[in-house]
């Protein structure tokens, strides 16, 4: 088989170590440019000709984000593609002459022998991610999967365990993780620049989901919908709607669901903003503070709707002390909901951001910049030396890992628990309960009635237990 198996161990350097201040903005630092280099300072013992050998790739999901992911691997040998939209598939196949085309990924896996492919890129809608990734992991093939990794908590746990067993190179599509700015923030937090962190607040300005038509217009939602549509609209030419539904309960096609990203607000197909953008924003404190499973999760927002995720809500996670890490609260906000410091104007009112509150100061970051907030008594802060090497690029580091066995930075061993934590925010919201989470047993002892939201009902013929 081509390519070495990449390790599923933790990809990040070990950790060393916010009241937000009202004054004393010490430094505003934007992401800079960094010279290309190796991802990690590991011995390079792989022969050049092996590194140059092309991987045989299967690409599942070729439209939207999938089109970008396809373009990123066209330098390899694409042997098969799959998309439920025939028009999209035809356009993708034109980019890789000789590749086999499928509209059903189950037929793709039936057709390809394990000896005929090395790696798979999955960019379907999230309610089919687990179904498209698990067959490849069972064949011990490398997998790149878009975020969020799965549709629900149970699927995330199964995929994480399958990846560990397979011992292959995996990567979740959180491309911001590869940028320089996040690396500098992680170095500051781990280096103790703001002391011990006791609070983190992450917020996004996007307000997509259940809200009034007036708010949908005000906040720039891509569609205004308050309930399941009555009736149907014509199925677009080329789209196999039944295959698109996959494991989701059958329903007639309607333009309120497709094309993406309209579907992500519907619980049957997606998990709303919490799990979508949480994959990017909560990634930063997960990395900087070595987080994993929370002890408790509590959500606040409008009454839950049985079909639609909310446009605005917030979720509070509590983490216990571990080693020299202090107990920590992490709060997520979306849409109209914002942190108190943002509302009061004691921090810059960025549209989206992540605020770390430590014993010696605070740190505010977004995708491309970060800002240290110190009190007036801090005069001579010195930035720590850069210790996290620049990424080869989010896709490139995965391809490098497939060929060399080097680690990736968002393997499923890391992104699986991140996905679980994000989904738990929705479990707390949909159940209306403060959850006491037993991660090892995957149980909620204080609210067992909420456990139904850890998984879903699967359509007949698509039962998850068949592949789990």
Protein backbone atom coordinates (compact mmCIF):
# COMPACT_ATOMS: atom_id res chain seq x y z
CA UNK A 1 0.00 0.00 0.00
CA UNK A 2 1.28 3.47 -0.83
CA UNK A 3 2.01 5.91 1.97
CA UNK A 4 2.74 5.22 5.60
CA UNK A 5 0.18 5.22 8.35
CA UNK A 6 0.15 8.50 10.23
CA UNK A 7 -0.05 8.38 14.05
CA UNK A 8 -3.26 9.20 15.86
CA UNK A 9 -1.46 10.56 18.91
CA UNK A 10 -1.81 14.15 20.08
CA UNK A 11 -0.43 16.50 17.42
CA UNK A 12 0.33 19.47 19.62
CA UNK A 13 3.28 20.37 21.83
CA UNK A 14 2.65 19.74 25.56
CA UNK A 15 1.19 22.58 27.55
CA UNK A 16 3.02 24.76 30.01
CA UNK A 17 0.68 27.15 31.23
CA UNK A 18 -9.21 36.48 31.83
CA UNK A 19 -10.72 39.45 34.32
CA UNK A 20 -10.72 41.67 31.19
CA UNK A 21 -9.08 45.02 31.98
CA UNK A 22 -10.81 48.27 31.10
CA UNK A 23 -7.63 50.07 30.08
CA UNK A 24 -4.09 49.37 29.16
CA UNK A 25 -4.16 47.90 25.66
CA UNK A 26 -0.52 46.97 25.44
CA UNK A 27 -0.15 45.44 22.00
CA UNK A 28 -2.12 44.80 18.88
CA UNK A 29 -0.63 42.02 16.84
CA UNK A 30 -1.86 40.77 13.48
CA UNK A 31 -0.89 37.54 11.81
CA UNK A 32 2.31 37.94 9.83
CA UNK A 33 3.97 36.04 7.04
CA UNK A 34 6.15 33.08 7.86
CA UNK A 35 8.63 31.22 5.74
CA UNK A 36 7.63 27.76 4.64
CA UNK A 37 9.24 24.91 6.51
CA UNK A 38 8.65 21.45 7.81
CA UNK A 39 5.58 20.93 9.95
CA UNK A 40 7.44 19.44 12.87
CA UNK A 41 11.12 19.04 13.63
CA UNK A 42 11.07 15.27 13.20
CA UNK A 43 13.79 13.12 11.61
CA UNK A 44 13.16 12.83 7.91
CA UNK A 45 13.99 9.24 7.10
CA UNK A 46 11.66 8.75 4.13
CA UNK A 47 13.23 8.40 0.70
CA UNK A 48 12.54 11.28 -1.67
CA UNK A 49 11.04 8.99 -4.30
CA UNK A 50 8.49 7.72 -1.74
CA UNK A 51 7.51 11.27 -0.81
CA UNK A 52 7.03 12.08 -4.47
CA UNK A 53 4.89 9.02 -5.21
CA UNK A 54 1.30 10.05 -5.84
CA UNK A 55 -1.46 8.88 -3.57
CA UNK A 56 -4.49 7.24 -5.14
CA UNK A 57 -7.36 9.40 -3.93
CA UNK A 58 -11.12 8.95 -3.73
CA UNK A 59 -13.09 12.17 -3.33
CA UNK A 60 -16.62 12.01 -1.89
CA UNK A 61 -18.56 15.27 -2.22
CA UNK A 62 -17.31 17.53 -5.00
CA UNK A 63 -19.46 20.68 -4.72
CA UNK A 64 -19.10 23.76 -2.54
CA UNK A 65 -16.35 23.19 0.02
CA UNK A 66 -15.77 19.83 -1.63
CA UNK A 67 -14.69 21.57 -4.81
CA UNK A 68 -11.94 23.38 -2.92
CA UNK A 69 -10.85 20.17 -1.24
CA UNK A 70 -10.75 18.42 -4.61
CA UNK A 71 -8.56 21.17 -6.07
CA UNK A 72 -6.18 20.77 -3.12
CA UNK A 73 -5.50 17.10 -3.94
CA UNK A 74 -5.45 17.22 -7.74
CA UNK A 75 -1.68 16.92 -7.60
CA UNK A 76 -2.22 13.34 -6.47
CA UNK A 77 -3.84 10.59 -8.56
CA UNK A 78 -7.61 10.92 -8.18
CA UNK A 79 -9.01 7.47 -9.00
CA UNK A 80 -12.65 7.91 -8.00
CA UNK A 81 -15.18 10.65 -7.27
CA UNK A 82 -18.68 10.67 -5.89
CA UNK A 83 -21.42 13.27 -5.72
CA UNK A 84 -25.20 12.97 -5.47
CA UNK A 85 -25.52 15.81 -7.97
CA UNK A 86 -24.79 14.53 -11.48
CA UNK A 87 -23.95 18.00 -12.79
CA UNK A 88 -21.46 18.60 -10.01
CA UNK A 89 -19.93 15.17 -10.56
CA UNK A 90 -19.51 15.77 -14.28
CA UNK A 91 -17.68 19.04 -13.63
CA UNK A 92 -15.41 17.38 -11.10
CA UNK A 93 -14.59 14.44 -13.35
CA UNK A 94 -13.44 16.86 -16.04
CA UNK A 95 -10.64 17.90 -13.67
CA UNK A 96 -9.34 14.36 -13.25
CA UNK A 97 -9.54 12.37 -16.47
CA UNK A 98 -9.54 8.66 -15.84
CA UNK A 99 -11.26 8.84 -12.46
CA UNK A 100 -14.33 6.66 -11.98
CA UNK A 101 -17.57 8.47 -11.18
CA UNK A 102 -20.27 7.45 -8.69
CA UNK A 103 -23.37 9.12 -7.28
CA UNK A 104 -23.54 6.75 -4.28
CA UNK A 105 -20.46 6.39 -2.06
CA UNK A 106 -21.61 2.93 -1.01
CA UNK A 107 -21.17 1.84 -4.63
CA UNK A 108 -17.77 3.54 -4.71
CA UNK A 109 -16.56 1.43 -1.78
CA UNK A 110 -18.06 -1.70 -3.30
CA UNK A 111 -16.28 -1.01 -6.58
CA UNK A 112 -12.83 -0.06 -5.27
CA UNK A 113 -10.71 -2.82 -3.84
CA UNK A 114 -8.64 -1.78 -0.80
CA UNK A 115 -5.54 -2.29 -2.94
CA UNK A 116 -6.81 0.29 -5.45
CA UNK A 117 -6.87 3.42 -3.28
CA UNK A 118 -4.82 5.00 -0.49
CA UNK A 119 -6.84 7.92 0.87
CA UNK A 120 -10.28 9.53 0.89
CA UNK A 121 -11.49 13.13 1.10
CA UNK A 122 -15.03 13.51 2.48
CA UNK A 123 -16.93 16.77 1.91
CA UNK A 124 -20.56 15.68 2.00
CA UNK A 125 -23.22 17.24 4.22
CA UNK A 126 -22.42 16.45 7.83
CA UNK A 127 -25.30 14.01 8.33
CA UNK A 128 -23.44 11.59 6.02
CA UNK A 129 -19.85 12.24 7.16
CA UNK A 130 -19.62 9.17 9.38
CA UNK A 131 -21.13 6.93 6.71
CA UNK A 132 -18.58 8.11 4.16
CA UNK A 133 -15.51 7.97 6.43
CA UNK A 134 -15.95 4.69 8.31
CA UNK A 135 -15.56 2.33 5.32
CA UNK A 136 -12.22 3.96 4.49
CA UNK A 137 -11.01 3.70 8.08
CA UNK A 138 -12.02 0.05 8.16
CA UNK A 139 -9.88 -0.43 5.04
CA UNK A 140 -7.05 1.36 6.93
CA UNK A 141 -7.00 4.27 4.50
CA UNK A 142 -6.08 7.87 5.25
CA UNK A 143 -9.06 10.23 5.63
CA UNK A 144 -9.58 13.99 5.35
CA UNK A 145 -13.10 14.97 6.46
CA UNK A 146 -14.71 18.38 6.49
CA UNK A 147 -15.94 19.88 9.74
CA UNK A 148 -17.88 19.12 11.78
CA UNK A 149 -16.54 15.60 11.82
CA UNK A 150 -19.97 14.01 12.34
CA UNK A 151 -23.65 14.75 12.82
CA UNK A 152 -23.83 13.80 16.51
CA UNK A 153 -21.90 12.75 19.60
CA UNK A 154 -22.16 8.99 19.15
CA UNK A 155 -20.97 9.15 15.57
CA UNK A 156 -17.99 11.28 16.64
CA UNK A 157 -16.98 8.72 19.24
CA UNK A 158 -17.27 5.81 16.78
CA UNK A 159 -15.23 7.62 14.10
CA UNK A 160 -12.57 8.65 16.62
CA UNK A 161 -12.18 5.08 17.84
CA UNK A 162 -12.12 3.69 14.29
CA UNK A 163 -9.34 6.12 13.35
CA UNK A 164 -7.30 5.10 16.38
CA UNK A 165 -7.67 1.46 15.47
CA UNK A 166 -6.77 2.11 11.82
CA UNK A 167 -3.60 4.03 12.71
CA UNK A 168 -3.79 6.16 9.57
CA UNK A 169 -3.32 9.88 8.84
CA UNK A 170 -6.52 11.81 9.49
CA UNK A 171 -7.40 15.49 9.37
CA UNK A 172 -10.62 17.44 9.97
CA UNK A 173 -11.17 20.42 7.69
CA UNK A 174 -10.55 23.26 10.13
CA UNK A 175 -8.29 25.21 7.83
CA UNK A 176 -7.80 28.17 10.21
CA UNK A 177 -5.84 25.82 12.47
CA UNK A 178 -3.00 25.97 9.93
CA UNK A 179 -2.70 29.76 9.97
CA UNK A 180 0.07 31.60 11.81
CA UNK A 181 -2.20 33.68 14.05
CA UNK A 182 -3.62 30.71 15.96
CA UNK A 183 -0.07 29.43 16.53
CA UNK A 184 1.03 32.71 18.09
CA UNK A 185 -2.04 32.78 20.36
CA UNK A 186 -1.39 29.21 21.52
CA UNK A 187 2.23 30.07 22.30
CA UNK A 188 1.15 33.05 24.40
CA UNK A 189 -1.45 31.12 26.38
CA UNK A 190 0.73 28.03 26.92
CA UNK A 191 3.68 30.27 27.76
CA UNK A 192 1.78 31.91 30.64
CA UNK A 193 1.67 35.41 29.12
CA UNK A 194 -1.66 36.14 30.83
CA UNK A 195 -1.19 33.80 33.80
CA UNK A 196 -3.59 30.96 34.59
CA UNK A 197 -6.70 31.09 32.43
CA UNK A 198 -10.01 30.78 34.26
CA UNK A 199 -12.46 31.93 31.57
CA UNK A 200 -12.77 31.78 27.81
CA UNK A 201 -15.48 33.49 25.78
CA UNK A 202 -15.93 32.65 22.08
CA UNK A 203 -18.52 34.44 19.96
CA UNK A 204 -19.54 34.64 16.31
CA UNK A 205 -21.64 37.30 14.66
CA UNK A 206 -23.33 34.91 12.25
CA UNK A 207 -27.07 34.68 12.97
CA UNK A 208 -28.36 31.86 10.78
CA UNK A 209 -31.21 29.68 11.99
CA UNK A 210 -34.58 30.02 13.62
CA UNK A 211 -35.50 33.68 14.09
CA UNK A 212 -38.17 36.13 13.02
CA UNK A 213 -38.32 37.24 9.38
CA UNK A 214 -37.37 40.72 10.57
CA UNK A 215 -34.28 39.45 12.38
CA UNK A 216 -33.35 37.23 9.45
CA UNK A 217 -33.28 40.32 7.24
CA UNK A 218 -31.55 42.46 9.86
CA UNK A 219 -28.76 39.96 10.51
CA UNK A 220 -28.26 38.85 6.93
CA UNK A 221 -29.53 35.27 7.11
CA UNK A 222 -29.50 33.46 3.76
CA UNK A 223 -33.10 32.30 4.20
CA UNK A 224 -35.98 33.08 6.56
CA UNK A 225 -37.84 29.97 7.70
CA UNK A 226 -39.71 29.32 10.95
CA UNK A 227 -41.03 25.79 10.42
CA UNK A 228 -40.93 22.82 8.07
CA UNK A 229 -42.17 23.91 4.63
CA UNK A 230 -45.57 22.67 3.49
CA UNK A 231 -45.46 20.82 0.18
CA UNK A 232 -42.44 20.65 -2.08
CA UNK A 233 -40.56 22.38 -4.87
CA UNK A 234 -39.15 20.75 -8.01
CA UNK A 235 -35.99 18.69 -7.49
CA UNK A 236 -33.13 20.38 -9.34
CA UNK A 237 -31.98 18.62 -12.48
CA UNK A 238 -29.19 16.18 -11.70
CA UNK A 239 -29.76 15.92 -7.94
CA UNK A 240 -30.55 12.49 -6.47
CA UNK A 241 -32.62 13.68 -3.53
CA UNK A 242 -33.05 10.23 -1.99
CA UNK A 243 -29.27 9.71 -1.86
CA UNK A 244 -28.78 13.24 -0.52
CA UNK A 245 -31.15 12.42 2.35
CA UNK A 246 -29.18 9.27 3.14
CA UNK A 247 -29.76 8.37 6.80
CA UNK A 248 -32.13 11.29 7.43
CA UNK A 249 -35.88 10.64 7.61
CA UNK A 250 -37.62 10.84 4.25
CA UNK A 251 -39.19 14.16 3.31
CA UNK A 252 -40.07 15.85 0.00
CA UNK A 253 -37.52 18.14 -1.57
CA UNK A 254 -37.84 21.85 -0.87
CA UNK A 255 -35.57 24.75 -1.73
CA UNK A 256 -35.47 25.59 2.00
CA UNK A 257 -33.05 22.68 2.45
CA UNK A 258 -30.80 22.86 -0.60
CA UNK A 259 -28.35 24.02 -1.85
CA UNK A 260 -25.96 24.42 1.04
CA UNK A 261 -25.52 25.92 3.45
CA UNK A 262 -29.31 26.20 3.88
CA UNK A 263 -29.43 22.64 5.21
CA UNK A 264 -27.19 23.23 8.22
CA UNK A 265 -29.97 24.83 10.32
CA UNK A 266 -32.13 21.68 10.11
CA UNK A 267 -31.45 19.15 12.90
CA UNK A 268 -32.05 16.28 10.48
CA UNK A 269 -29.13 17.41 8.30
CA UNK A 270 -26.87 19.64 10.38
CA UNK A 271 -26.19 21.01 13.83
CA UNK A 272 -26.53 24.74 13.37
CA UNK A 273 -23.89 27.36 14.03
CA UNK A 274 -22.80 25.75 17.32
CA UNK A 275 -21.15 22.74 15.71
CA UNK A 276 -20.30 24.39 12.40
CA UNK A 277 -18.40 27.51 13.44
CA UNK A 278 -17.62 26.03 16.84
CA UNK A 279 -15.28 23.72 14.92
CA UNK A 280 -13.19 26.80 14.07
CA UNK A 281 -13.56 29.04 17.10
CA UNK A 282 -13.60 26.56 19.99
CA UNK A 283 -10.65 24.89 18.28
CA UNK A 284 -8.46 27.74 19.56
CA UNK A 285 -9.06 27.25 23.33
CA UNK A 286 -9.14 23.48 22.81
CA UNK A 287 -5.61 23.71 21.43
CA UNK A 288 -4.26 26.40 23.73
CA UNK A 289 -5.61 24.84 26.94
CA UNK A 290 -5.47 21.13 26.05
CA UNK A 291 -9.20 20.70 26.58
CA UNK A 292 -11.19 17.53 26.14
CA UNK A 293 -14.50 16.49 27.71
CA UNK A 294 -16.34 19.09 29.83
CA UNK A 295 -17.75 18.25 33.26
CA UNK A 296 -20.99 20.18 32.74
CA UNK A 297 -22.73 21.90 29.83
CA UNK A 298 -25.63 24.37 30.05
CA UNK A 299 -27.33 26.26 27.21
CA UNK A 300 -29.39 29.46 27.14
CA UNK A 301 -31.62 30.65 24.34
CA UNK A 302 -35.15 30.68 22.93
CA UNK A 303 -37.36 27.60 23.40
CA UNK A 304 -35.94 24.76 21.29
CA UNK A 305 -37.65 23.96 18.02
CA UNK A 306 -38.01 20.28 17.07
CA UNK A 307 -36.67 20.85 13.55
CA UNK A 308 -34.58 24.03 13.47
CA UNK A 309 -31.40 25.15 15.22
CA UNK A 310 -31.52 28.66 16.72
CA UNK A 311 -29.89 31.71 15.18
CA UNK A 312 -28.90 33.04 18.63
CA UNK A 313 -28.00 31.26 21.87
CA UNK A 314 -25.08 30.74 24.23
CA UNK A 315 -23.62 27.70 25.98
CA UNK A 316 -21.47 27.46 29.11
CA UNK A 317 -18.99 24.60 29.55
CA UNK A 318 -17.28 23.87 32.87
CA UNK A 319 -13.93 22.08 33.00
CA UNK A 320 -12.31 20.79 36.16
CA UNK A 321 -8.75 21.39 37.33
CA UNK A 322 -6.13 19.18 35.74
CA UNK A 323 -2.42 19.20 36.59
CA UNK A 324 -1.46 22.85 36.96
CA UNK A 325 -4.52 23.98 34.99
CA UNK A 326 -7.10 25.86 37.01
CA UNK A 327 -10.82 25.08 36.75
CA UNK A 328 -12.15 26.74 33.64
CA UNK A 329 -15.41 28.02 32.19
CA UNK A 330 -15.76 28.33 28.43
CA UNK A 331 -18.78 30.13 27.03
CA UNK A 332 -19.92 30.07 23.40
CA UNK A 333 -22.13 32.82 21.94
CA UNK A 334 -23.76 33.06 18.52
CA UNK A 335 -25.91 35.61 16.74
CA UNK A 336 -27.26 38.33 19.02
CA UNK A 337 -25.77 36.81 22.17
CA UNK A 338 -22.45 38.36 23.23
CA UNK A 339 -20.11 38.31 26.27
CA UNK A 340 -20.74 40.88 29.00
CA UNK A 341 -17.37 42.55 28.36
CA UNK A 342 -18.36 43.01 24.70
CA UNK A 343 -21.75 44.45 25.66
CA UNK A 344 -20.15 46.87 28.15
CA UNK A 345 -17.47 47.96 25.72
CA UNK A 346 -14.55 46.96 27.96
CA UNK A 347 -13.04 45.02 25.05
CA UNK A 348 -13.05 45.87 21.33
CA UNK A 349 -16.38 44.91 19.78
CA UNK A 350 -15.10 42.56 17.12
CA UNK A 351 -17.80 40.83 15.12
CA UNK A 352 -16.39 37.45 16.15
CA UNK A 353 -13.66 36.64 18.61
CA UNK A 354 -12.19 34.55 21.39
CA UNK A 355 -11.31 36.13 24.75
CA UNK A 356 -8.97 34.36 27.18
CA UNK A 357 -9.17 35.74 30.74
CA UNK A 358 -6.16 35.03 32.93
CA UNK A 359 -4.80 36.01 36.32
CA UNK A 360 -2.36 38.51 34.77
CA UNK A 361 -4.31 39.84 31.82
CA UNK A 362 -6.47 38.92 28.87
CA UNK A 363 -5.95 37.96 25.25
CA UNK A 364 -8.42 38.66 22.45
CA UNK A 365 -8.13 36.88 19.11
CA UNK A 366 -9.95 36.23 15.88
CA UNK A 367 -8.87 34.34 12.77
CA UNK A 368 -6.18 36.78 11.67
CA UNK A 369 -5.17 38.99 14.61
CA UNK A 370 -4.75 39.01 18.36
CA UNK A 371 -4.55 41.63 21.06
CA UNK A 372 -3.01 41.45 24.53
CA UNK A 373 -4.95 43.33 27.22
CA UNK A 374 -2.87 44.11 30.28
CA UNK A 375 -3.28 46.41 33.27
CA UNK A 376 -1.20 49.61 33.62
CA UNK A 377 1.31 47.85 35.90
CA UNK A 378 2.64 45.70 33.06
CA UNK A 379 5.50 47.56 31.37
CA UNK A 380 8.03 45.18 29.88
CA UNK A 381 6.23 42.19 28.43
CA UNK A 382 8.39 40.10 26.11
CA UNK A 383 6.77 37.88 23.55
CA UNK A 384 7.91 34.24 23.77
CA UNK A 385 9.96 32.84 20.94
CA UNK A 386 7.98 31.10 18.23
CA UNK A 387 7.89 27.41 19.08
CA UNK A 388 5.13 26.01 16.83
CA UNK A 389 6.50 25.57 13.29
CA UNK A 390 4.54 26.98 10.35
CA UNK A 391 2.15 24.59 8.67
CA UNK A 392 2.78 23.21 5.22
CA UNK A 393 -0.88 24.08 4.62
CA UNK A 394 -3.88 22.27 6.05
CA UNK A 395 -4.28 19.91 3.10
CA UNK A 396 -0.55 19.69 2.41
CA UNK A 397 0.29 18.55 5.93
CA UNK A 398 -2.29 15.76 5.64
CA UNK A 399 -0.85 14.63 2.31
CA UNK A 400 2.63 14.80 3.82
CA UNK A 401 1.43 12.68 6.75
CA UNK A 402 -0.10 10.10 4.41
CA UNK A 403 3.25 9.67 2.69
CA UNK A 404 5.67 9.97 5.60
CA UNK A 405 3.90 9.07 8.84
CA UNK A 406 4.35 12.59 10.23
CA UNK A 407 1.52 13.84 12.47
CA UNK A 408 -1.24 16.19 11.37
CA UNK A 409 -2.50 18.99 13.60
CA UNK A 410 -6.23 18.14 13.51
CA UNK A 411 -6.29 14.32 13.56
CA UNK A 412 -9.51 12.66 14.60
CA UNK A 413 -7.96 11.95 18.02
CA UNK A 414 -8.11 15.74 18.54
CA UNK A 415 -11.01 16.83 16.34
CA UNK A 416 -13.25 13.98 17.52
CA UNK A 417 -13.38 15.22 21.15
CA UNK A 418 -13.70 18.81 19.85
CA UNK A 419 -16.70 17.75 17.76
CA UNK A 420 -18.23 15.91 20.73
CA UNK A 421 -17.93 19.00 22.92
CA UNK A 422 -19.59 21.21 20.30
CA UNK A 423 -22.43 18.74 19.81
CA UNK A 424 -22.95 18.61 23.58
CA UNK A 425 -23.82 22.30 23.45
CA UNK A 426 -26.72 21.41 21.18
CA UNK A 427 -27.70 18.47 23.39
CA UNK A 428 -27.94 20.84 26.35
CA UNK A 429 -29.94 23.34 24.30
CA UNK A 430 -32.37 20.83 22.81
CA UNK A 431 -32.97 19.06 26.13
CA UNK A 432 -33.26 22.23 28.20
CA UNK A 433 -31.06 20.59 30.84
CA UNK A 434 -27.74 21.37 32.47
CA UNK A 435 -25.77 18.26 31.59
CA UNK A 436 -23.39 16.43 33.89
CA UNK A 437 -21.34 14.58 31.30
CA UNK A 438 -19.80 11.16 31.89
CA UNK A 439 -17.53 11.05 28.84
CA UNK A 440 -16.14 7.56 29.42
CA UNK A 441 -19.60 5.98 29.58
CA UNK A 442 -21.20 8.48 27.17
CA UNK A 443 -23.98 9.00 29.69
CA UNK A 444 -25.75 11.97 31.28
CA UNK A 445 -26.49 10.68 34.80
CA UNK A 446 -28.47 13.72 35.96
CA UNK A 447 -30.62 13.91 32.82
CA UNK A 448 -30.83 10.54 31.06
CA UNK A 449 -33.75 11.82 29.02
CA UNK A 450 -31.28 14.08 27.18
CA UNK A 451 -29.30 11.08 25.94
CA UNK A 452 -31.61 10.66 22.95
CA UNK A 453 -29.92 13.74 21.47
CA UNK A 454 -26.50 12.05 21.58
CA UNK A 455 -27.56 10.14 18.48
CA UNK A 456 -30.46 10.22 16.02
CA UNK A 457 -33.12 8.04 14.42
CA UNK A 458 -31.79 6.55 11.19
CA UNK A 459 -33.86 5.87 8.11
CA UNK A 460 -34.55 2.24 7.34
CA UNK A 461 -31.71 0.83 5.31
CA UNK A 462 -29.29 3.43 6.71
CA UNK A 463 -29.03 2.20 10.31
CA UNK A 464 -25.74 3.36 11.83
CA UNK A 465 -25.30 0.13 13.79
CA UNK A 466 -24.67 -1.62 10.49
CA UNK A 467 -21.38 0.20 10.11
CA UNK A 468 -20.58 1.35 13.67
